[in-house]
Amino acid sequence: MAYFKDAGECDDILGGFFRNTSEGVAQGDPELVRIQSKLADIGLIVKFVWRDPELSILLDFTKSPFAVHTNDDSINPTATFTLTADEAHRFWHGKVNLAKALTTKAIVARGPIPKILKLLPAIEPMYRRYPQYLKERGKADLVLSQ
């Protein structure tokens, strides 16, 4: 079962989650500011390339609050993750073991991956925030059960 009917819905939900998070940084949410800071410390610009549906989102953590770009190929990312949108949806629920997904090629990564893997503990609060965001948006049907 696909979670997103098309690229527009995928951008609205997954892209919207990142835009909402960036707004939280701008508003001074301490937890989000801390995450932003850790990602900015390594100069991270990450691009997610999603398939099924096709969409790319680039997050530029060198800006504060971080910038969110949709389908923009003009900025060079430091890391790129290619995966299905469904796998991304599961990831932001905390349901994907990134090391295993990289090994099995469910997620294909380019860039300083060992450095990025060390940042996984920093983004753990996002696994709680994503389902909460879905519920707030009236998308509780997309929340994955524990």
Protein backbone atom coordinates (compact mmCIF):
# COMPACT_ATOMS: atom_id res chain seq x y z
CA MET A 1 0.00 0.00 0.00
CA ALA A 2 1.42 3.38 -1.01
CA TYR A 3 1.11 6.08 1.63
CA PHE A 4 1.05 8.96 -0.87
CA LYS A 5 -1.21 9.14 -3.92
CA ASP A 6 1.08 11.52 -5.85
CA ALA A 7 4.08 13.85 -5.61
CA GLY A 8 1.85 16.75 -4.50
CA GLU A 9 0.57 14.85 -1.48
CA CYS A 10 4.07 13.61 -0.71
CA ASP A 11 5.39 17.18 -0.75
CA ASP A 12 2.42 18.36 1.30
CA ILE A 13 3.08 15.75 3.99
CA LEU A 14 6.81 14.94 4.04
CA GLY A 15 7.92 18.32 2.66
CA GLY A 16 5.40 19.98 4.95
CA PHE A 17 6.93 18.19 7.92
CA PHE A 18 10.33 19.68 7.12
CA ARG A 19 8.89 23.15 6.49
CA ASN A 20 7.02 22.92 9.80
CA THR A 21 10.21 21.83 11.56
CA SER A 22 12.15 24.74 10.04
CA GLU A 23 9.43 27.10 11.32
CA GLY A 24 9.88 25.54 14.76
CA VAL A 25 13.59 26.38 14.60
CA ALA A 26 12.71 29.97 13.62
CA GLN A 27 10.33 30.16 16.60
CA GLY A 28 13.09 29.01 18.95
CA ASP A 29 11.84 25.51 19.88
CA PRO A 30 14.81 24.39 22.04
CA GLU A 31 14.77 20.77 20.86
CA LEU A 32 14.64 21.77 17.19
CA VAL A 33 17.29 24.46 17.63
CA ARG A 34 19.57 21.83 19.21
CA ILE A 35 19.03 19.45 16.26
CA GLN A 36 19.61 22.30 13.76
CA SER A 37 22.84 23.22 15.54
CA LYS A 38 24.25 19.69 15.41
CA LEU A 39 23.47 19.36 11.71
CA ALA A 40 24.83 22.84 10.98
CA ASP A 41 28.08 22.03 12.81
CA ILE A 42 29.04 19.63 10.00
CA GLY A 43 27.74 21.94 7.27
CA LEU A 44 25.10 19.43 6.24
CA ILE A 45 23.06 19.96 3.11
CA VAL A 46 21.04 16.79 2.61
CA LYS A 47 18.94 15.86 -0.38
CA PHE A 48 16.23 13.23 -0.28
CA VAL A 49 15.36 11.81 -3.68
CA TRP A 50 12.11 9.90 -3.40
CA ARG A 51 10.64 7.46 -5.89
CA ASP A 52 7.04 6.28 -6.06
CA PRO A 53 6.06 9.14 -6.24
CA GLU A 54 9.03 11.08 -7.57
CA LEU A 55 10.02 14.14 -5.59
CA SER A 56 13.18 15.61 -4.13
CA ILE A 57 13.56 17.70 -1.01
CA LEU A 58 16.81 19.43 -0.11
CA LEU A 59 17.45 20.59 3.45
CA ASP A 60 20.18 23.19 3.86
CA PHE A 61 21.28 23.17 7.49
CA THR A 62 23.95 25.81 6.81
CA LYS A 63 21.08 28.32 7.03
CA SER A 64 19.23 29.02 10.26
CA PRO A 65 16.48 28.18 10.26
CA PHE A 66 17.34 25.50 7.74
CA ALA A 67 16.06 26.03 4.22
CA VAL A 68 13.73 23.54 2.52
CA HIS A 69 13.86 23.31 -1.29
CA THR A 70 11.56 21.15 -3.40
CA ASN A 71 12.78 19.68 -6.71
CA ASP A 72 15.75 22.07 -6.75
CA ASP A 73 18.91 20.84 -8.47
CA SER A 74 20.76 24.16 -8.22
CA ILE A 75 22.25 23.45 -4.76
CA ASN A 76 25.00 20.90 -4.26
CA PRO A 77 24.17 18.57 -1.34
CA THR A 78 26.82 17.13 0.94
CA ALA A 79 24.76 13.94 1.19
CA THR A 80 22.03 12.40 -0.95
CA PHE A 81 19.63 9.66 0.08
CA THR A 82 17.59 7.91 -2.60
CA LEU A 83 14.64 5.80 -1.47
CA THR A 84 10.94 5.32 -1.95
CA ALA A 85 8.61 7.83 -0.36
CA ASP A 86 7.07 4.95 1.60
CA GLU A 87 10.50 4.06 3.04
CA ALA A 88 10.96 7.74 4.00
CA HIS A 89 7.56 7.70 5.71
CA ARG A 90 8.59 4.62 7.71
CA PHE A 91 11.99 6.18 8.48
CA TRP A 92 10.49 9.30 10.05
CA HIS A 93 8.37 7.04 12.25
CA GLY A 94 11.63 5.47 13.52
CA LYS A 95 10.76 2.17 11.86
CA VAL A 96 13.81 1.87 9.57
CA ASN A 97 17.21 0.68 10.68
CA LEU A 98 19.35 2.98 8.54
CA ALA A 99 22.48 0.81 8.62
CA LYS A 100 20.47 -2.20 7.44
CA ALA A 101 18.60 -0.18 4.81
CA LEU A 102 21.92 1.08 3.44
CA THR A 103 23.32 -2.46 3.35
CA THR A 104 20.28 -3.87 1.54
CA LYS A 105 20.12 -0.83 -0.78
CA ALA A 106 16.58 0.04 0.34
CA ILE A 107 18.25 3.42 0.82
CA VAL A 108 21.12 4.43 -1.43
CA ALA A 109 23.38 7.09 0.03
CA ARG A 110 26.13 9.30 -1.33
CA GLY A 111 28.30 11.55 0.78
CA PRO A 112 30.00 11.39 4.20
CA ILE A 113 27.75 8.60 5.44
CA PRO A 114 29.81 7.53 8.52
CA LYS A 115 29.69 11.14 9.76
CA ILE A 116 25.94 11.31 9.14
CA LEU A 117 25.29 7.98 10.88
CA LYS A 118 26.84 9.49 14.02
CA LEU A 119 24.11 12.16 13.92
CA LEU A 120 21.25 9.66 14.14
CA PRO A 121 20.89 10.09 17.92
CA ALA A 122 20.51 13.85 17.36
CA ILE A 123 17.47 13.40 15.10
CA GLU A 124 15.70 10.81 17.28
CA PRO A 125 13.17 13.37 18.59
CA MET A 126 11.93 13.68 15.00
CA TYR A 127 10.61 10.10 15.19
CA ARG A 128 8.18 11.28 17.87
CA ARG A 129 7.41 14.56 16.16
CA TYR A 130 6.52 13.13 12.73
CA PRO A 131 3.49 11.06 13.90
CA GLN A 132 2.42 14.00 16.07
CA TYR A 133 2.64 16.28 13.01
CA LEU A 134 0.51 13.85 10.99
CA LYS A 135 -2.17 13.85 13.67
CA GLU A 136 -2.16 17.65 13.87
CA ARG A 137 -2.63 17.80 10.08
CA GLY A 138 -5.65 15.46 10.22
CA LYS A 139 -3.63 12.60 8.75
CA ALA A 140 -3.83 10.21 11.70
CA ASP A 141 -4.64 7.44 9.19
CA LEU A 142 -1.00 7.67 8.05
CA VAL A 143 0.44 7.13 11.55
CA LEU A 144 2.08 3.73 11.74
CA SER A 145 1.19 1.61 14.74
CA GLN A 146 3.82 0.82 17.30
